[in-house]
Amino acid sequence: MYIPSELNKITIQLFKVLEVFDDSIYVNYNSLETNKLTGVRDIDKTENYIDSLYYVLTPDNIKMLQESGDLMNIKR
């Protein structure tokens, strides 16, 4: 997922899917971010995900992120 910031730069933030339910998805937050797609590989490491911090996404949240362009890619 990326979040546009000032000066047309992008910030790429990673989330890891923890669990999927019928009405929600629990994701884990990566403590690092990058502003380059090539930097994703450098921060996508197990030790960078915060175990004690997670988000719950509903289908409506995911649809909103897709429509706004904030959800950039899903790695399977």
PDB file of N, CA and C in Angstrom:
ATOM      1  N   MET A   1       0.847  -1.152   0.000  1.00  0.00           N
ATOM      2  CA  MET A   1       0.000   0.000   0.000  1.00  0.00           C
ATOM      3  C   MET A   1       0.896   1.220   0.000  1.00  0.00           C
ATOM      4  N   TYR A   2       0.524   2.248  -0.751  1.00  0.00           N
ATOM      5  CA  TYR A   2       1.309   3.461  -0.682  1.00  0.00           C
ATOM      6  C   TYR A   2       0.413   4.643  -0.364  1.00  0.00           C
ATOM      7  N   ILE A   3       0.997   5.658   0.214  1.00  0.00           N
ATOM      8  CA  ILE A   3       0.265   6.857   0.592  1.00  0.00           C
ATOM      9  C   ILE A   3       0.955   8.045  -0.061  1.00  0.00           C
ATOM     10  N   PRO A   4       0.278   8.752  -0.989  1.00  0.00           N
ATOM     11  CA  PRO A   4       0.915   9.913  -1.618  1.00  0.00           C
ATOM     12  C   PRO A   4       1.214  10.981  -0.574  1.00  0.00           C
ATOM     13  N   SER A   5       2.354  11.616  -0.719  1.00  0.00           N
ATOM     14  CA  SER A   5       2.711  12.691   0.197  1.00  0.00           C
ATOM     15  C   SER A   5       3.033  13.946  -0.609  1.00  0.00           C
ATOM     16  N   GLU A   6       3.517  14.953   0.064  1.00  0.00           N
ATOM     17  CA  GLU A   6       3.818  16.212  -0.597  1.00  0.00           C
ATOM     18  C   GLU A   6       4.861  16.030  -1.692  1.00  0.00           C
ATOM     19  N   LEU A   7       4.854  16.941  -2.641  1.00  0.00           N
ATOM     20  CA  LEU A   7       5.818  16.975  -3.733  1.00  0.00           C
ATOM     21  C   LEU A   7       5.750  15.736  -4.619  1.00  0.00           C
ATOM     22  N   ASN A   8       4.562  15.137  -4.717  1.00  0.00           N
ATOM     23  CA  ASN A   8       4.326  13.980  -5.581  1.00  0.00           C
ATOM     24  C   ASN A   8       5.234  12.793  -5.277  1.00  0.00           C
ATOM     25  N   LYS A   9       5.735  12.723  -4.067  1.00  0.00           N
ATOM     26  CA  LYS A   9       6.509  11.559  -3.665  1.00  0.00           C
ATOM     27  C   LYS A   9       5.543  10.510  -3.144  1.00  0.00           C
ATOM     28  N   ILE A  10       5.971   9.284  -3.155  1.00  0.00           N
ATOM     29  CA  ILE A  10       5.144   8.234  -2.577  1.00  0.00           C
ATOM     30  C   ILE A  10       5.874   7.620  -1.395  1.00  0.00           C
ATOM     31  N   THR A  11       5.091   7.134  -0.470  1.00  0.00           N
ATOM     32  CA  THR A  11       5.615   6.383   0.650  1.00  0.00           C
ATOM     33  C   THR A  11       5.010   4.999   0.562  1.00  0.00           C
ATOM     34  N   ILE A  12       5.848   4.005   0.524  1.00  0.00           N
ATOM     35  CA  ILE A  12       5.372   2.632   0.418  1.00  0.00           C
ATOM     36  C   ILE A  12       5.432   1.998   1.791  1.00  0.00           C
ATOM     37  N   GLN A  13       4.283   1.549   2.233  1.00  0.00           N
ATOM     38  CA  GLN A  13       4.145   0.908   3.538  1.00  0.00           C
ATOM     39  C   GLN A  13       3.673  -0.516   3.326  1.00  0.00           C
ATOM     40  N   LEU A  14       4.273  -1.454   4.007  1.00  0.00           N
ATOM     41  CA  LEU A  14       3.920  -2.861   3.841  1.00  0.00           C
ATOM     42  C   LEU A  14       3.070  -3.355   5.004  1.00  0.00           C
ATOM     43  N   PHE A  15       2.160  -4.255   4.672  1.00  0.00           N
ATOM     44  CA  PHE A  15       1.346  -4.939   5.664  1.00  0.00           C
ATOM     45  C   PHE A  15       1.373  -6.425   5.327  1.00  0.00           C
ATOM     46  N   LYS A  16       1.344  -7.256   6.336  1.00  0.00           N
ATOM     47  CA  LYS A  16       1.350  -8.703   6.163  1.00  0.00           C
ATOM     48  C   LYS A  16       0.013  -9.254   6.644  1.00  0.00           C
ATOM     49  N   VAL A  17      -0.633 -10.065   5.842  1.00  0.00           N
ATOM     50  CA  VAL A  17      -1.921 -10.654   6.214  1.00  0.00           C
ATOM     51  C   VAL A  17      -1.686 -11.706   7.291  1.00  0.00           C
ATOM     52  N   LEU A  18      -2.373 -11.537   8.419  1.00  0.00           N
ATOM     53  CA  LEU A  18      -2.271 -12.491   9.523  1.00  0.00           C
ATOM     54  C   LEU A  18      -3.369 -13.533   9.469  1.00  0.00           C
ATOM     55  N   GLU A  19      -4.594 -13.066   9.231  1.00  0.00           N
ATOM     56  CA  GLU A  19      -5.731 -13.985   9.238  1.00  0.00           C
ATOM     57  C   GLU A  19      -6.860 -13.387   8.400  1.00  0.00           C
ATOM     58  N   VAL A  20      -7.593 -14.274   7.726  1.00  0.00           N
ATOM     59  CA  VAL A  20      -8.706 -13.850   6.880  1.00  0.00           C
ATOM     60  C   VAL A  20      -9.991 -14.467   7.420  1.00  0.00           C
ATOM     61  N   PHE A  21     -10.993 -13.616   7.603  1.00  0.00           N
ATOM     62  CA  PHE A  21     -12.318 -14.048   8.035  1.00  0.00           C
ATOM     63  C   PHE A  21     -13.319 -13.666   6.950  1.00  0.00           C
ATOM     64  N   ASP A  22     -14.559 -14.103   7.096  1.00  0.00           N
ATOM     65  CA  ASP A  22     -15.591 -13.771   6.117  1.00  0.00           C
ATOM     66  C   ASP A  22     -15.814 -12.269   5.995  1.00  0.00           C
ATOM     67  N   ASP A  23     -15.690 -11.555   7.115  1.00  0.00           N
ATOM     68  CA  ASP A  23     -16.023 -10.128   7.110  1.00  0.00           C
ATOM     69  C   ASP A  23     -14.842  -9.202   7.394  1.00  0.00           C
ATOM     70  N   SER A  24     -13.625  -9.744   7.491  1.00  0.00           N
ATOM     71  CA  SER A  24     -12.477  -8.885   7.800  1.00  0.00           C
ATOM     72  C   SER A  24     -11.158  -9.602   7.537  1.00  0.00           C
ATOM     73  N   ILE A  25     -10.109  -8.798   7.448  1.00  0.00           N
ATOM     74  CA  ILE A  25      -8.751  -9.303   7.288  1.00  0.00           C
ATOM     75  C   ILE A  25      -7.894  -8.627   8.347  1.00  0.00           C
ATOM     76  N   TYR A  26      -7.137  -9.411   9.087  1.00  0.00           N
ATOM     77  CA  TYR A  26      -6.206  -8.869  10.080  1.00  0.00           C
ATOM     78  C   TYR A  26      -4.833  -8.767   9.418  1.00  0.00           C
ATOM     79  N   VAL A  27      -4.252  -7.567   9.464  1.00  0.00           N
ATOM     80  CA  VAL A  27      -2.942  -7.356   8.867  1.00  0.00           C
ATOM     81  C   VAL A  27      -1.967  -6.818   9.903  1.00  0.00           C
ATOM     82  N   ASN A  28      -0.716  -7.161   9.718  1.00  0.00           N
ATOM     83  CA  ASN A  28       0.377  -6.744  10.581  1.00  0.00           C
ATOM     84  C   ASN A  28       1.115  -5.601   9.893  1.00  0.00           C
ATOM     85  N   TYR A  29       1.581  -4.646  10.656  1.00  0.00           N
ATOM     86  CA  TYR A  29       2.209  -3.425  10.168  1.00  0.00           C
ATOM     87  C   TYR A  29       3.730  -3.576  10.132  1.00  0.00           C
ATOM     88  N   ASN A  30       4.352  -3.162   9.027  1.00  0.00           N
ATOM     89  CA  ASN A  30       5.802  -3.157   8.920  1.00  0.00           C
ATOM     90  C   ASN A  30       6.311  -1.841   9.490  1.00  0.00           C
ATOM     91  N   SER A  31       7.315  -1.896  10.350  1.00  0.00           N
ATOM     92  CA  SER A  31       7.811  -0.698  11.035  1.00  0.00           C
ATOM     93  C   SER A  31       8.647   0.206  10.137  1.00  0.00           C
ATOM     94  N   LEU A  32       9.029  -0.269   8.956  1.00  0.00           N
ATOM     95  CA  LEU A  32       9.827   0.525   8.035  1.00  0.00           C
ATOM     96  C   LEU A  32       9.014   0.885   6.801  1.00  0.00           C
ATOM     97  N   GLU A  33       9.459   1.896   6.096  1.00  0.00           N
ATOM     98  CA  GLU A  33       8.818   2.281   4.848  1.00  0.00           C
ATOM     99  C   GLU A  33       9.904   2.713   3.872  1.00  0.00           C
ATOM    100  N   THR A  34       9.530   2.820   2.613  1.00  0.00           N
ATOM    101  CA  THR A  34      10.464   3.226   1.577  1.00  0.00           C
ATOM    102  C   THR A  34       9.738   4.150   0.608  1.00  0.00           C
ATOM    103  N   ASN A  35      10.494   4.888  -0.183  1.00  0.00           N
ATOM    104  CA  ASN A  35       9.875   5.732  -1.199  1.00  0.00           C
ATOM    105  C   ASN A  35      10.215   5.237  -2.599  1.00  0.00           C
ATOM    106  N   LYS A  36      10.773   4.047  -2.692  1.00  0.00           N
ATOM    107  CA  LYS A  36      11.116   3.456  -3.980  1.00  0.00           C
ATOM    108  C   LYS A  36      10.609   2.028  -4.043  1.00  0.00           C
ATOM    109  N   LEU A  37      10.053   1.652  -5.183  1.00  0.00           N
ATOM    110  CA  LEU A  37       9.601   0.272  -5.339  1.00  0.00           C
ATOM    111  C   LEU A  37      10.752  -0.705  -5.178  1.00  0.00           C
ATOM    112  N   THR A  38      11.947  -0.302  -5.577  1.00  0.00           N
ATOM    113  CA  THR A  38      13.098  -1.191  -5.459  1.00  0.00           C
ATOM    114  C   THR A  38      13.505  -1.407  -4.007  1.00  0.00           C
ATOM    115  N   GLY A  39      13.039  -0.548  -3.105  1.00  0.00           N
ATOM    116  CA  GLY A  39      13.376  -0.684  -1.699  1.00  0.00           C
ATOM    117  C   GLY A  39      12.491  -1.644  -0.937  1.00  0.00           C
ATOM    118  N   VAL A  40      11.416  -2.097  -1.555  1.00  0.00           N
ATOM    119  CA  VAL A  40      10.473  -2.994  -0.879  1.00  0.00           C
ATOM    120  C   VAL A  40      11.170  -4.270  -0.434  1.00  0.00           C
ATOM    121  N   ARG A  41      12.002  -4.807  -1.270  1.00  0.00           N
ATOM    122  CA  ARG A  41      12.708  -6.055  -0.945  1.00  0.00           C
ATOM    123  C   ARG A  41      13.571  -5.897   0.313  1.00  0.00           C
ATOM    124  N   ASP A  42      14.130  -4.705   0.488  1.00  0.00           N
ATOM    125  CA  ASP A  42      15.001  -4.466   1.638  1.00  0.00           C
ATOM    126  C   ASP A  42      14.250  -4.423   2.965  1.00  0.00           C
ATOM    127  N   ILE A  43      12.991  -3.984   2.953  1.00  0.00           N
ATOM    128  CA  ILE A  43      12.255  -3.850   4.214  1.00  0.00           C
ATOM    129  C   ILE A  43      11.270  -4.991   4.470  1.00  0.00           C
ATOM    130  N   ASP A  44      10.997  -5.815   3.464  1.00  0.00           N
ATOM    131  CA  ASP A  44      10.038  -6.910   3.622  1.00  0.00           C
ATOM    132  C   ASP A  44      10.701  -8.097   4.302  1.00  0.00           C
ATOM    133  N   LYS A  45      10.991  -7.916   5.594  1.00  0.00           N
ATOM    134  CA  LYS A  45      11.643  -8.947   6.396  1.00  0.00           C
ATOM    135  C   LYS A  45      10.818  -9.189   7.652  1.00  0.00           C
ATOM    136  N   THR A  46      10.787 -10.424   8.089  1.00  0.00           N
ATOM    137  CA  THR A  46       9.982 -10.814   9.246  1.00  0.00           C
ATOM    138  C   THR A  46      10.231  -9.930  10.456  1.00  0.00           C
ATOM    139  N   GLU A  47      11.469  -9.599  10.720  1.00  0.00           N
ATOM    140  CA  GLU A  47      11.794  -8.823  11.914  1.00  0.00           C
ATOM    141  C   GLU A  47      11.289  -7.380  11.864  1.00  0.00           C
ATOM    142  N   ASN A  48      10.863  -6.917  10.698  1.00  0.00           N
ATOM    143  CA  ASN A  48      10.367  -5.543  10.572  1.00  0.00           C
ATOM    144  C   ASN A  48       8.863  -5.406  10.822  1.00  0.00           C
ATOM    145  N   TYR A  49       8.175  -6.520  10.990  1.00  0.00           N
ATOM    146  CA  TYR A  49       6.738  -6.465  11.259  1.00  0.00           C
ATOM    147  C   TYR A  49       6.504  -6.427  12.764  1.00  0.00           C
ATOM    148  N   ILE A  50       5.631  -5.550  13.190  1.00  0.00           N
ATOM    149  CA  ILE A  50       5.370  -5.347  14.614  1.00  0.00           C
ATOM    150  C   ILE A  50       4.284  -6.325  15.059  1.00  0.00           C
ATOM    151  N   ASP A  51       4.653  -7.308  15.863  1.00  0.00           N
ATOM    152  CA  ASP A  51       3.711  -8.344  16.293  1.00  0.00           C
ATOM    153  C   ASP A  51       2.571  -7.796  17.132  1.00  0.00           C
ATOM    154  N   SER A  52       2.839  -6.780  17.918  1.00  0.00           N
ATOM    155  CA  SER A  52       1.816  -6.269  18.839  1.00  0.00           C
ATOM    156  C   SER A  52       0.876  -5.254  18.199  1.00  0.00           C
ATOM    157  N   LEU A  53       1.108  -4.919  16.938  1.00  0.00           N
ATOM    158  CA  LEU A  53       0.280  -3.913  16.269  1.00  0.00           C
ATOM    159  C   LEU A  53      -0.340  -4.522  15.020  1.00  0.00           C
ATOM    160  N   TYR A  54      -1.660  -4.536  14.962  1.00  0.00           N
ATOM    161  CA  TYR A  54      -2.325  -5.048  13.774  1.00  0.00           C
ATOM    162  C   TYR A  54      -3.539  -4.187  13.462  1.00  0.00           C
ATOM    163  N   TYR A  55      -3.982  -4.266  12.233  1.00  0.00           N
ATOM    164  CA  TYR A  55      -5.158  -3.534  11.772  1.00  0.00           C
ATOM    165  C   TYR A  55      -6.191  -4.530  11.286  1.00  0.00           C
ATOM    166  N   VAL A  56      -7.441  -4.149  11.390  1.00  0.00           N
ATOM    167  CA  VAL A  56      -8.539  -4.952  10.863  1.00  0.00           C
ATOM    168  C   VAL A  56      -9.110  -4.212   9.665  1.00  0.00           C
ATOM    169  N   LEU A  57      -9.096  -4.870   8.519  1.00  0.00           N
ATOM    170  CA  LEU A  57      -9.650  -4.288   7.299  1.00  0.00           C
ATOM    171  C   LEU A  57     -10.930  -5.020   6.928  1.00  0.00           C
ATOM    172  N   THR A  58     -11.942  -4.266   6.599  1.00  0.00           N
ATOM    173  CA  THR A  58     -13.201  -4.839   6.142  1.00  0.00           C
ATOM    174  C   THR A  58     -13.216  -4.793   4.615  1.00  0.00           C
ATOM    175  N   PRO A  59     -14.120  -5.522   3.981  1.00  0.00           N
ATOM    176  CA  PRO A  59     -14.224  -5.436   2.527  1.00  0.00           C
ATOM    177  C   PRO A  59     -14.426  -3.997   2.044  1.00  0.00           C
ATOM    178  N   ASP A  60     -15.194  -3.201   2.779  1.00  0.00           N
ATOM    179  CA  ASP A  60     -15.400  -1.804   2.392  1.00  0.00           C
ATOM    180  C   ASP A  60     -14.097  -1.013   2.465  1.00  0.00           C
ATOM    181  N   ASN A  61     -13.278  -1.266   3.501  1.00  0.00           N
ATOM    182  CA  ASN A  61     -11.968  -0.602   3.610  1.00  0.00           C
ATOM    183  C   ASN A  61     -11.089  -0.945   2.410  1.00  0.00           C
ATOM    184  N   ILE A  62     -11.059  -2.205   2.065  1.00  0.00           N
ATOM    185  CA  ILE A  62     -10.215  -2.656   0.958  1.00  0.00           C
ATOM    186  C   ILE A  62     -10.693  -2.062  -0.360  1.00  0.00           C
ATOM    187  N   LYS A  63     -11.991  -2.036  -0.565  1.00  0.00           N
ATOM    188  CA  LYS A  63     -12.544  -1.448  -1.779  1.00  0.00           C
ATOM    189  C   LYS A  63     -12.194   0.037  -1.875  1.00  0.00           C
ATOM    190  N   MET A  64     -12.292   0.748  -0.762  1.00  0.00           N
ATOM    191  CA  MET A  64     -11.956   2.168  -0.731  1.00  0.00           C
ATOM    192  C   MET A  64     -10.471   2.378  -1.063  1.00  0.00           C
ATOM    193  N   LEU A  65      -9.599   1.545  -0.515  1.00  0.00           N
ATOM    194  CA  LEU A  65      -8.167   1.649  -0.785  1.00  0.00           C
ATOM    195  C   LEU A  65      -7.861   1.372  -2.261  1.00  0.00           C
ATOM    196  N   GLN A  66      -8.556   0.407  -2.842  1.00  0.00           N
ATOM    197  CA  GLN A  66      -8.359   0.098  -4.256  1.00  0.00           C
ATOM    198  C   GLN A  66      -8.834   1.253  -5.127  1.00  0.00           C
ATOM    199  N   GLU A  67     -10.016   1.777  -4.845  1.00  0.00           N
ATOM    200  CA  GLU A  67     -10.585   2.859  -5.657  1.00  0.00           C
ATOM    201  C   GLU A  67      -9.773   4.148  -5.561  1.00  0.00           C
ATOM    202  N   SER A  68      -9.176   4.404  -4.409  1.00  0.00           N
ATOM    203  CA  SER A  68      -8.388   5.624  -4.226  1.00  0.00           C
ATOM    204  C   SER A  68      -6.976   5.488  -4.788  1.00  0.00           C
ATOM    205  N   GLY A  69      -6.568   4.267  -5.112  1.00  0.00           N
ATOM    206  CA  GLY A  69      -5.220   4.039  -5.619  1.00  0.00           C
ATOM    207  C   GLY A  69      -4.197   3.824  -4.528  1.00  0.00           C
ATOM    208  N   ASP A  70      -4.633   3.787  -3.270  1.00  0.00           N
ATOM    209  CA  ASP A  70      -3.702   3.594  -2.158  1.00  0.00           C
ATOM    210  C   ASP A  70      -3.253   2.144  -2.012  1.00  0.00           C
ATOM    211  N   LEU A  71      -4.053   1.217  -2.468  1.00  0.00           N
ATOM    212  CA  LEU A  71      -3.656  -0.187  -2.439  1.00  0.00           C
ATOM    213  C   LEU A  71      -2.970  -0.483  -3.757  1.00  0.00           C
ATOM    214  N   MET A  72      -1.685  -0.650  -3.681  1.00  0.00           N
ATOM    215  CA  MET A  72      -0.872  -0.736  -4.891  1.00  0.00           C
ATOM    216  C   MET A  72      -0.667  -2.157  -5.374  1.00  0.00           C
ATOM    217  N   ASN A  73      -0.470  -3.079  -4.447  1.00  0.00           N
ATOM    218  CA  ASN A  73      -0.115  -4.426  -4.843  1.00  0.00           C
ATOM    219  C   ASN A  73      -0.397  -5.388  -3.695  1.00  0.00           C
ATOM    220  N   ILE A  74      -0.727  -6.601  -4.052  1.00  0.00           N
ATOM    221  CA  ILE A  74      -0.872  -7.664  -3.064  1.00  0.00           C
ATOM    222  C   ILE A  74       0.063  -8.782  -3.480  1.00  0.00           C
ATOM    223  N   LYS A  75       1.010  -9.089  -2.601  1.00  0.00           N
ATOM    224  CA  LYS A  75       1.969 -10.156  -2.852  1.00  0.00           C
ATOM    225  C   LYS A  75       1.426 -11.429  -2.241  1.00  0.00           C
ATOM    226  N   ARG A  76       1.388 -12.474  -3.002  1.00  0.00           N
ATOM    227  CA  ARG A  76       0.877 -13.752  -2.515  1.00  0.00           C
ATOM    228  C   ARG A  76       1.984 -14.761  -2.339  1.00  0.00           C
TER     229      ARG A  76
END
